[in-house]
Amino acid sequence: MTIAKTAFGTAFAASLALGLAAGAAHAADAKPAMEKCYGVAQAGKNDCAAGPGTSCAGTQKSDYQGNSWKLVKAGTCTAIKTPKGTGSLTPR
């Protein structure tokens, strides 16, 4: 009976370790949180919402257009500096 308990304990510990390792690997593969940042994209490099007369991604007509956005890592938008000011979380 002692051998069976030891074997079960060892198998349980190994399963737990593998599960934790798999969880850590999955976390490393997870994409960082992203947010829309207005006014930071260059012409033709926006992700969407490029204003009147445009359909969406890649249609921005001028650099740093305030009503178009680009996805950036969450928390970094307002720190992005452009010749027209900093990034904005809302259209301008």
PDB file of N, CA and C in Angstrom:
ATOM      1  N   MET A   1       0.821  -1.185   0.000  1.00  0.00           N
ATOM      2  CA  MET A   1       0.000   0.000   0.000  1.00  0.00           C
ATOM      3  C   MET A   1       0.867   1.252   0.000  1.00  0.00           C
ATOM      4  N   THR A   2       1.997   1.277   0.678  1.00  0.00           N
ATOM      5  CA  THR A   2       2.880   2.428   0.740  1.00  0.00           C
ATOM      6  C   THR A   2       3.461   2.729  -0.638  1.00  0.00           C
ATOM      7  N   ILE A   3       3.829   1.689  -1.383  1.00  0.00           N
ATOM      8  CA  ILE A   3       4.374   1.881  -2.720  1.00  0.00           C
ATOM      9  C   ILE A   3       3.317   2.520  -3.626  1.00  0.00           C
ATOM     10  N   ALA A   4       2.076   2.086  -3.513  1.00  0.00           N
ATOM     11  CA  ALA A   4       0.994   2.635  -4.333  1.00  0.00           C
ATOM     12  C   ALA A   4       0.783   4.115  -4.013  1.00  0.00           C
ATOM     13  N   LYS A   5       0.826   4.463  -2.729  1.00  0.00           N
ATOM     14  CA  LYS A   5       0.653   5.866  -2.346  1.00  0.00           C
ATOM     15  C   LYS A   5       1.803   6.719  -2.862  1.00  0.00           C
ATOM     16  N   THR A   6       3.018   6.189  -2.789  1.00  0.00           N
ATOM     17  CA  THR A   6       4.178   6.924  -3.273  1.00  0.00           C
ATOM     18  C   THR A   6       4.096   7.119  -4.780  1.00  0.00           C
ATOM     19  N   ALA A   7       3.709   6.079  -5.485  1.00  0.00           N
ATOM     20  CA  ALA A   7       3.579   6.168  -6.937  1.00  0.00           C
ATOM     21  C   ALA A   7       2.499   7.180  -7.320  1.00  0.00           C
ATOM     22  N   PHE A   8       1.376   7.139  -6.608  1.00  0.00           N
ATOM     23  CA  PHE A   8       0.297   8.098  -6.887  1.00  0.00           C
ATOM     24  C   PHE A   8       0.769   9.524  -6.605  1.00  0.00           C
ATOM     25  N   GLY A   9       1.451   9.728  -5.516  1.00  0.00           N
ATOM     26  CA  GLY A   9       1.945  11.057  -5.151  1.00  0.00           C
ATOM     27  C   GLY A   9       2.933  11.583  -6.186  1.00  0.00           C
ATOM     28  N   THR A  10       3.807  10.727  -6.652  1.00  0.00           N
ATOM     29  CA  THR A  10       4.782  11.116  -7.661  1.00  0.00           C
ATOM     30  C   THR A  10       4.077  11.469  -8.976  1.00  0.00           C
ATOM     31  N   ALA A  11       3.118  10.666  -9.374  1.00  0.00           N
ATOM     32  CA  ALA A  11       2.379  10.930 -10.609  1.00  0.00           C
ATOM     33  C   ALA A  11       1.596  12.232 -10.490  1.00  0.00           C
ATOM     34  N   PHE A  12       0.988  12.467  -9.333  1.00  0.00           N
ATOM     35  CA  PHE A  12       0.223  13.697  -9.120  1.00  0.00           C
ATOM     36  C   PHE A  12       1.143  14.917  -9.197  1.00  0.00           C
ATOM     37  N   ALA A  13       2.294  14.846  -8.555  1.00  0.00           N
ATOM     38  CA  ALA A  13       3.245  15.953  -8.560  1.00  0.00           C
ATOM     39  C   ALA A  13       3.738  16.228  -9.982  1.00  0.00           C
ATOM     40  N   ALA A  14       3.998  15.175 -10.747  1.00  0.00           N
ATOM     41  CA  ALA A  14       4.457  15.345 -12.122  1.00  0.00           C
ATOM     42  C   ALA A  14       3.365  15.993 -12.976  1.00  0.00           C
ATOM     43  N   SER A  15       2.127  15.560 -12.795  1.00  0.00           N
ATOM     44  CA  SER A  15       1.013  16.149 -13.546  1.00  0.00           C
ATOM     45  C   SER A  15       0.843  17.623 -13.212  1.00  0.00           C
ATOM     46  N   LEU A  16       0.958  17.943 -11.939  1.00  0.00           N
ATOM     47  CA  LEU A  16       0.832  19.329 -11.508  1.00  0.00           C
ATOM     48  C   LEU A  16       1.936  20.181 -12.117  1.00  0.00           C
ATOM     49  N   ALA A  17       3.153  19.693 -12.103  1.00  0.00           N
ATOM     50  CA  ALA A  17       4.290  20.433 -12.661  1.00  0.00           C
ATOM     51  C   ALA A  17       4.103  20.652 -14.157  1.00  0.00           C
ATOM     52  N   LEU A  18       3.637  19.645 -14.881  1.00  0.00           N
ATOM     53  CA  LEU A  18       3.405  19.787 -16.319  1.00  0.00           C
ATOM     54  C   LEU A  18       2.302  20.801 -16.596  1.00  0.00           C
ATOM     55  N   GLY A  19       1.263  20.771 -15.775  1.00  0.00           N
ATOM     56  CA  GLY A  19       0.172  21.730 -15.938  1.00  0.00           C
ATOM     57  C   GLY A  19       0.646  23.156 -15.714  1.00  0.00           C
ATOM     58  N   LEU A  20       1.468  23.375 -14.712  1.00  0.00           N
ATOM     59  CA  LEU A  20       1.994  24.707 -14.435  1.00  0.00           C
ATOM     60  C   LEU A  20       2.914  25.174 -15.563  1.00  0.00           C
ATOM     61  N   ALA A  21       3.730  24.274 -16.081  1.00  0.00           N
ATOM     62  CA  ALA A  21       4.632  24.621 -17.172  1.00  0.00           C
ATOM     63  C   ALA A  21       3.837  24.977 -18.425  1.00  0.00           C
ATOM     64  N   ALA A  22       2.781  24.247 -18.698  1.00  0.00           N
ATOM     65  CA  ALA A  22       1.945  24.533 -19.862  1.00  0.00           C
ATOM     66  C   ALA A  22       1.260  25.888 -19.704  1.00  0.00           C
ATOM     67  N   GLY A  23       0.806  26.190 -18.498  1.00  0.00           N
ATOM     68  CA  GLY A  23       0.177  27.482 -18.241  1.00  0.00           C
ATOM     69  C   GLY A  23       1.153  28.620 -18.435  1.00  0.00           C
ATOM     70  N   ALA A  24       2.377  28.454 -18.002  1.00  0.00           N
ATOM     71  CA  ALA A  24       3.393  29.494 -18.172  1.00  0.00           C
ATOM     72  C   ALA A  24       3.723  29.692 -19.647  1.00  0.00           C
ATOM     73  N   ALA A  25       3.786  28.609 -20.407  1.00  0.00           N
ATOM     74  CA  ALA A  25       4.072  28.708 -21.832  1.00  0.00           C
ATOM     75  C   ALA A  25       2.931  29.425 -22.539  1.00  0.00           C
ATOM     76  N   HIS A  26       1.705  29.140 -22.148  1.00  0.00           N
ATOM     77  CA  HIS A  26       0.551  29.800 -22.760  1.00  0.00           C
ATOM     78  C   HIS A  26       0.570  31.289 -22.446  1.00  0.00           C
ATOM     79  N   ALA A  27       0.910  31.668 -21.247  1.00  0.00           N
ATOM     80  CA  ALA A  27       0.970  33.086 -20.868  1.00  0.00           C
ATOM     81  C   ALA A  27       2.022  33.821 -21.695  1.00  0.00           C
ATOM     82  N   ALA A  28       3.118  33.158 -22.000  1.00  0.00           N
ATOM     83  CA  ALA A  28       4.171  33.786 -22.796  1.00  0.00           C
ATOM     84  C   ALA A  28       3.703  34.012 -24.230  1.00  0.00           C
ATOM     85  N   ASP A  29       2.787  33.159 -24.724  1.00  0.00           N
ATOM     86  CA  ASP A  29       2.260  33.289 -26.081  1.00  0.00           C
ATOM     87  C   ASP A  29       1.147  34.329 -26.169  1.00  0.00           C
ATOM     88  N   ALA A  30       0.579  34.721 -25.044  1.00  0.00           N
ATOM     89  CA  ALA A  30      -0.537  35.665 -25.053  1.00  0.00           C
ATOM     90  C   ALA A  30      -0.093  37.018 -25.598  1.00  0.00           C
ATOM     91  N   LYS A  31      -0.977  37.632 -26.378  1.00  0.00           N
ATOM     92  CA  LYS A  31      -0.672  38.945 -26.937  1.00  0.00           C
ATOM     93  C   LYS A  31      -0.892  40.010 -25.874  1.00  0.00           C
ATOM     94  N   PRO A  32      -0.086  41.056 -25.902  1.00  0.00           N
ATOM     95  CA  PRO A  32      -0.289  42.131 -24.926  1.00  0.00           C
ATOM     96  C   PRO A  32      -1.599  42.858 -25.213  1.00  0.00           C
ATOM     97  N   ALA A  33      -2.170  43.453 -24.179  1.00  0.00           N
ATOM     98  CA  ALA A  33      -3.392  44.239 -24.359  1.00  0.00           C
ATOM     99  C   ALA A  33      -3.093  45.408 -25.296  1.00  0.00           C
ATOM    100  N   MET A  34      -4.025  45.713 -26.164  1.00  0.00           N
ATOM    101  CA  MET A  34      -3.842  46.776 -27.148  1.00  0.00           C
ATOM    102  C   MET A  34      -4.960  47.805 -26.991  1.00  0.00           C
ATOM    103  N   GLU A  35      -4.697  49.019 -27.486  1.00  0.00           N
ATOM    104  CA  GLU A  35      -5.715  50.062 -27.473  1.00  0.00           C
ATOM    105  C   GLU A  35      -5.615  50.887 -28.747  1.00  0.00           C
ATOM    106  N   LYS A  36      -6.733  51.525 -29.106  1.00  0.00           N
ATOM    107  CA  LYS A  36      -6.761  52.406 -30.270  1.00  0.00           C
ATOM    108  C   LYS A  36      -6.072  53.707 -29.896  1.00  0.00           C
ATOM    109  N   CYS A  37      -5.158  54.153 -30.746  1.00  0.00           N
ATOM    110  CA  CYS A  37      -4.445  55.402 -30.512  1.00  0.00           C
ATOM    111  C   CYS A  37      -4.625  56.284 -31.744  1.00  0.00           C
ATOM    112  N   TYR A  38      -5.269  57.416 -31.557  1.00  0.00           N
ATOM    113  CA  TYR A  38      -5.575  58.328 -32.656  1.00  0.00           C
ATOM    114  C   TYR A  38      -4.433  59.311 -32.906  1.00  0.00           C
ATOM    115  N   GLY A  39      -4.222  59.617 -34.181  1.00  0.00           N
ATOM    116  CA  GLY A  39      -3.267  60.650 -34.559  1.00  0.00           C
ATOM    117  C   GLY A  39      -1.809  60.234 -34.583  1.00  0.00           C
ATOM    118  N   VAL A  40      -1.517  58.935 -34.593  1.00  0.00           N
ATOM    119  CA  VAL A  40      -0.117  58.502 -34.570  1.00  0.00           C
ATOM    120  C   VAL A  40       0.325  57.777 -35.840  1.00  0.00           C
ATOM    121  N   ALA A  41      -0.615  57.427 -36.704  1.00  0.00           N
ATOM    122  CA  ALA A  41      -0.269  56.660 -37.908  1.00  0.00           C
ATOM    123  C   ALA A  41       0.189  57.575 -39.038  1.00  0.00           C
ATOM    124  N   GLN A  42       1.063  57.039 -39.849  1.00  0.00           N
ATOM    125  CA  GLN A  42       1.476  57.758 -41.053  1.00  0.00           C
ATOM    126  C   GLN A  42       0.509  57.421 -42.178  1.00  0.00           C
ATOM    127  N   ALA A  43       0.504  58.213 -43.218  1.00  0.00           N
ATOM    128  CA  ALA A  43      -0.409  58.018 -44.346  1.00  0.00           C
ATOM    129  C   ALA A  43      -0.356  56.577 -44.837  1.00  0.00           C
ATOM    130  N   GLY A  44      -1.530  55.974 -44.983  1.00  0.00           N
ATOM    131  CA  GLY A  44      -1.633  54.606 -45.475  1.00  0.00           C
ATOM    132  C   GLY A  44      -1.285  53.528 -44.475  1.00  0.00           C
ATOM    133  N   LYS A  45      -0.984  53.873 -43.231  1.00  0.00           N
ATOM    134  CA  LYS A  45      -0.556  52.894 -42.232  1.00  0.00           C
ATOM    135  C   LYS A  45      -1.545  52.762 -41.074  1.00  0.00           C
ATOM    136  N   ASN A  46      -2.713  53.389 -41.169  1.00  0.00           N
ATOM    137  CA  ASN A  46      -3.698  53.309 -40.094  1.00  0.00           C
ATOM    138  C   ASN A  46      -4.364  51.939 -40.056  1.00  0.00           C
ATOM    139  N   ASP A  47      -4.948  51.617 -38.906  1.00  0.00           N
ATOM    140  CA  ASP A  47      -5.673  50.356 -38.783  1.00  0.00           C
ATOM    141  C   ASP A  47      -7.128  50.505 -39.209  1.00  0.00           C
ATOM    142  N   CYS A  48      -7.745  51.658 -38.964  1.00  0.00           N
ATOM    143  CA  CYS A  48      -9.115  51.876 -39.417  1.00  0.00           C
ATOM    144  C   CYS A  48      -9.559  53.308 -39.110  1.00  0.00           C
ATOM    145  N   ALA A  49     -10.837  53.611 -39.427  1.00  0.00           N
ATOM    146  CA  ALA A  49     -11.461  54.909 -39.159  1.00  0.00           C
ATOM    147  C   ALA A  49     -10.636  56.082 -39.655  1.00  0.00           C
ATOM    148  N   ALA A  50     -10.431  56.145 -40.956  1.00  0.00           N
ATOM    149  CA  ALA A  50      -9.601  57.203 -41.530  1.00  0.00           C
ATOM    150  C   ALA A  50     -10.388  58.412 -42.007  1.00  0.00           C
ATOM    151  N   GLY A  51     -11.600  58.573 -41.551  1.00  0.00           N
ATOM    152  CA  GLY A  51     -12.369  59.765 -41.875  1.00  0.00           C
ATOM    153  C   GLY A  51     -13.183  59.654 -43.145  1.00  0.00           C
ATOM    154  N   PRO A  52     -13.871  60.749 -43.512  1.00  0.00           N
ATOM    155  CA  PRO A  52     -14.738  60.758 -44.688  1.00  0.00           C
ATOM    156  C   PRO A  52     -13.978  60.407 -45.968  1.00  0.00           C
ATOM    157  N   GLY A  53     -14.620  59.617 -46.814  1.00  0.00           N
ATOM    158  CA  GLY A  53     -14.029  59.270 -48.099  1.00  0.00           C
ATOM    159  C   GLY A  53     -13.043  58.123 -48.040  1.00  0.00           C
ATOM    160  N   THR A  54     -12.893  57.502 -46.876  1.00  0.00           N
ATOM    161  CA  THR A  54     -11.981  56.360 -46.757  1.00  0.00           C
ATOM    162  C   THR A  54     -12.772  55.159 -46.261  1.00  0.00           C
ATOM    163  N   SER A  55     -12.289  53.983 -46.574  1.00  0.00           N
ATOM    164  CA  SER A  55     -13.027  52.781 -46.184  1.00  0.00           C
ATOM    165  C   SER A  55     -12.532  52.193 -44.872  1.00  0.00           C
ATOM    166  N   CYS A  56     -11.253  52.139 -44.683  1.00  0.00           N
ATOM    167  CA  CYS A  56     -10.758  51.596 -43.416  1.00  0.00           C
ATOM    168  C   CYS A  56      -9.234  51.486 -43.426  1.00  0.00           C
ATOM    169  N   ALA A  57      -8.710  50.343 -43.025  1.00  0.00           N
ATOM    170  CA  ALA A  57      -7.273  50.158 -42.845  1.00  0.00           C
ATOM    171  C   ALA A  57      -6.467  50.537 -44.079  1.00  0.00           C
ATOM    172  N   GLY A  58      -5.399  51.289 -43.852  1.00  0.00           N
ATOM    173  CA  GLY A  58      -4.488  51.660 -44.924  1.00  0.00           C
ATOM    174  C   GLY A  58      -4.975  52.767 -45.834  1.00  0.00           C
ATOM    175  N   THR A  59      -6.054  53.438 -45.463  1.00  0.00           N
ATOM    176  CA  THR A  59      -6.635  54.450 -46.342  1.00  0.00           C
ATOM    177  C   THR A  59      -6.415  55.885 -45.861  1.00  0.00           C
ATOM    178  N   GLN A  60      -5.690  56.057 -44.798  1.00  0.00           N
ATOM    179  CA  GLN A  60      -5.427  57.400 -44.265  1.00  0.00           C
ATOM    180  C   GLN A  60      -4.664  58.225 -45.298  1.00  0.00           C
ATOM    181  N   LYS A  61      -5.101  59.442 -45.531  1.00  0.00           N
ATOM    182  CA  LYS A  61      -4.536  60.280 -46.594  1.00  0.00           C
ATOM    183  C   LYS A  61      -3.321  61.099 -46.159  1.00  0.00           C
ATOM    184  N   SER A  62      -3.213  61.433 -44.881  1.00  0.00           N
ATOM    185  CA  SER A  62      -2.086  62.265 -44.434  1.00  0.00           C
ATOM    186  C   SER A  62      -1.476  61.708 -43.144  1.00  0.00           C
ATOM    187  N   ASP A  63      -0.238  62.067 -42.888  1.00  0.00           N
ATOM    188  CA  ASP A  63       0.436  61.616 -41.665  1.00  0.00           C
ATOM    189  C   ASP A  63      -0.239  62.201 -40.426  1.00  0.00           C
ATOM    190  N   TYR A  64      -0.360  61.386 -39.408  1.00  0.00           N
ATOM    191  CA  TYR A  64      -0.841  61.788 -38.076  1.00  0.00           C
ATOM    192  C   TYR A  64      -2.241  62.388 -38.097  1.00  0.00           C
ATOM    193  N   GLN A  65      -3.082  61.874 -38.966  1.00  0.00           N
ATOM    194  CA  GLN A  65      -4.463  62.328 -39.086  1.00  0.00           C
ATOM    195  C   GLN A  65      -5.202  62.034 -37.781  1.00  0.00           C
ATOM    196  N   GLY A  66      -5.811  63.027 -37.184  1.00  0.00           N
ATOM    197  CA  GLY A  66      -6.396  62.911 -35.847  1.00  0.00           C
ATOM    198  C   GLY A  66      -7.633  62.061 -35.725  1.00  0.00           C
ATOM    199  N   ASN A  67      -8.291  61.742 -36.830  1.00  0.00           N
ATOM    200  CA  ASN A  67      -9.500  60.934 -36.732  1.00  0.00           C
ATOM    201  C   ASN A  67      -9.275  59.485 -37.157  1.00  0.00           C
ATOM    202  N   SER A  68      -8.032  59.084 -37.324  1.00  0.00           N
ATOM    203  CA  SER A  68      -7.737  57.684 -37.634  1.00  0.00           C
ATOM    204  C   SER A  68      -6.864  57.113 -36.529  1.00  0.00           C
ATOM    205  N   TRP A  69      -6.935  55.800 -36.387  1.00  0.00           N
ATOM    206  CA  TRP A  69      -6.216  55.186 -35.275  1.00  0.00           C
ATOM    207  C   TRP A  69      -5.340  54.029 -35.715  1.00  0.00           C
ATOM    208  N   LYS A  70      -4.431  53.682 -34.823  1.00  0.00           N
ATOM    209  CA  LYS A  70      -3.533  52.537 -34.978  1.00  0.00           C
ATOM    210  C   LYS A  70      -3.541  51.810 -33.640  1.00  0.00           C
ATOM    211  N   LEU A  71      -3.533  50.492 -33.657  1.00  0.00           N
ATOM    212  CA  LEU A  71      -3.460  49.745 -32.403  1.00  0.00           C
ATOM    213  C   LEU A  71      -2.045  49.828 -31.847  1.00  0.00           C
ATOM    214  N   VAL A  72      -1.954  50.151 -30.564  1.00  0.00           N
ATOM    215  CA  VAL A  72      -0.665  50.216 -29.871  1.00  0.00           C
ATOM    216  C   VAL A  72      -0.800  49.472 -28.547  1.00  0.00           C
ATOM    217  N   LYS A  73       0.295  49.145 -27.937  1.00  0.00           N
ATOM    218  CA  LYS A  73       0.279  48.467 -26.642  1.00  0.00           C
ATOM    219  C   LYS A  73      -0.461  49.339 -25.629  1.00  0.00           C
ATOM    220  N   ALA A  74      -1.363  48.734 -24.884  1.00  0.00           N
ATOM    221  CA  ALA A  74      -2.169  49.464 -23.906  1.00  0.00           C
ATOM    222  C   ALA A  74      -1.281  50.252 -22.945  1.00  0.00           C
ATOM    223  N   GLY A  75      -1.670  51.489 -22.702  1.00  0.00           N
ATOM    224  CA  GLY A  75      -0.945  52.342 -21.774  1.00  0.00           C
ATOM    225  C   GLY A  75       0.156  53.170 -22.402  1.00  0.00           C
ATOM    226  N   THR A  76       0.378  53.031 -23.716  1.00  0.00           N
ATOM    227  CA  THR A  76       1.478  53.760 -24.355  1.00  0.00           C
ATOM    228  C   THR A  76       1.016  54.895 -25.257  1.00  0.00           C
ATOM    229  N   CYS A  77      -0.250  54.942 -25.589  1.00  0.00           N
ATOM    230  CA  CYS A  77      -0.752  55.891 -26.598  1.00  0.00           C
ATOM    231  C   CYS A  77      -0.374  57.336 -26.309  1.00  0.00           C
ATOM    232  N   THR A  78      -0.726  57.821 -25.151  1.00  0.00           N
ATOM    233  CA  THR A  78      -0.533  59.252 -24.873  1.00  0.00           C
ATOM    234  C   THR A  78       0.937  59.630 -24.695  1.00  0.00           C
ATOM    235  N   ALA A  79       1.821  58.643 -24.665  1.00  0.00           N
ATOM    236  CA  ALA A  79       3.257  58.922 -24.574  1.00  0.00           C
ATOM    237  C   ALA A  79       3.913  58.979 -25.952  1.00  0.00           C
ATOM    238  N   ILE A  80       3.173  58.605 -26.998  1.00  0.00           N
ATOM    239  CA  ILE A  80       3.711  58.626 -28.360  1.00  0.00           C
ATOM    240  C   ILE A  80       3.718  60.068 -28.855  1.00  0.00           C
ATOM    241  N   LYS A  81       4.894  60.552 -29.245  1.00  0.00           N
ATOM    242  CA  LYS A  81       5.031  61.934 -29.717  1.00  0.00           C
ATOM    243  C   LYS A  81       5.137  61.951 -31.240  1.00  0.00           C
ATOM    244  N   THR A  82       4.412  62.874 -31.846  1.00  0.00           N
ATOM    245  CA  THR A  82       4.447  63.069 -33.297  1.00  0.00           C
ATOM    246  C   THR A  82       4.692  64.556 -33.560  1.00  0.00           C
ATOM    247  N   PRO A  83       4.950  64.925 -34.800  1.00  0.00           N
ATOM    248  CA  PRO A  83       5.106  66.349 -35.113  1.00  0.00           C
ATOM    249  C   PRO A  83       3.832  67.170 -34.839  1.00  0.00           C
ATOM    250  N   LYS A  84       2.701  66.483 -34.698  1.00  0.00           N
ATOM    251  CA  LYS A  84       1.435  67.174 -34.433  1.00  0.00           C
ATOM    252  C   LYS A  84       0.987  67.033 -32.982  1.00  0.00           C
ATOM    253  N   GLY A  85       1.855  66.593 -32.104  1.00  0.00           N
ATOM    254  CA  GLY A  85       1.505  66.405 -30.692  1.00  0.00           C
ATOM    255  C   GLY A  85       1.592  64.947 -30.291  1.00  0.00           C
ATOM    256  N   THR A  86       0.915  64.594 -29.210  1.00  0.00           N
ATOM    257  CA  THR A  86       0.961  63.213 -28.721  1.00  0.00           C
ATOM    258  C   THR A  86      -0.261  62.440 -29.188  1.00  0.00           C
ATOM    259  N   GLY A  87      -0.188  61.119 -29.047  1.00  0.00           N
ATOM    260  CA  GLY A  87      -1.312  60.262 -29.384  1.00  0.00           C
ATOM    261  C   GLY A  87      -2.487  60.554 -28.472  1.00  0.00           C
ATOM    262  N   SER A  88      -3.666  60.194 -28.926  1.00  0.00           N
ATOM    263  CA  SER A  88      -4.891  60.466 -28.183  1.00  0.00           C
ATOM    264  C   SER A  88      -5.758  59.213 -28.132  1.00  0.00           C
ATOM    265  N   LEU A  89      -6.448  59.016 -27.025  1.00  0.00           N
ATOM    266  CA  LEU A  89      -7.362  57.873 -26.894  1.00  0.00           C
ATOM    267  C   LEU A  89      -8.718  58.167 -27.527  1.00  0.00           C
ATOM    268  N   THR A  90      -8.923  59.381 -27.959  1.00  0.00           N
ATOM    269  CA  THR A  90     -10.172  59.774 -28.634  1.00  0.00           C
ATOM    270  C   THR A  90      -9.842  60.502 -29.930  1.00  0.00           C
ATOM    271  N   PRO A  91     -10.738  60.459 -30.918  1.00  0.00           N
ATOM    272  CA  PRO A  91     -10.479  61.183 -32.165  1.00  0.00           C
ATOM    273  C   PRO A  91     -10.364  62.670 -31.920  1.00  0.00           C
ATOM    274  N   ARG A  92      -9.576  63.329 -32.730  1.00  0.00           N
ATOM    275  CA  ARG A  92      -9.465  64.784 -32.607  1.00  0.00           C
ATOM    276  C   ARG A  92      -9.690  65.462 -33.922  1.00  0.00           C
TER     277      ARG A  92
END
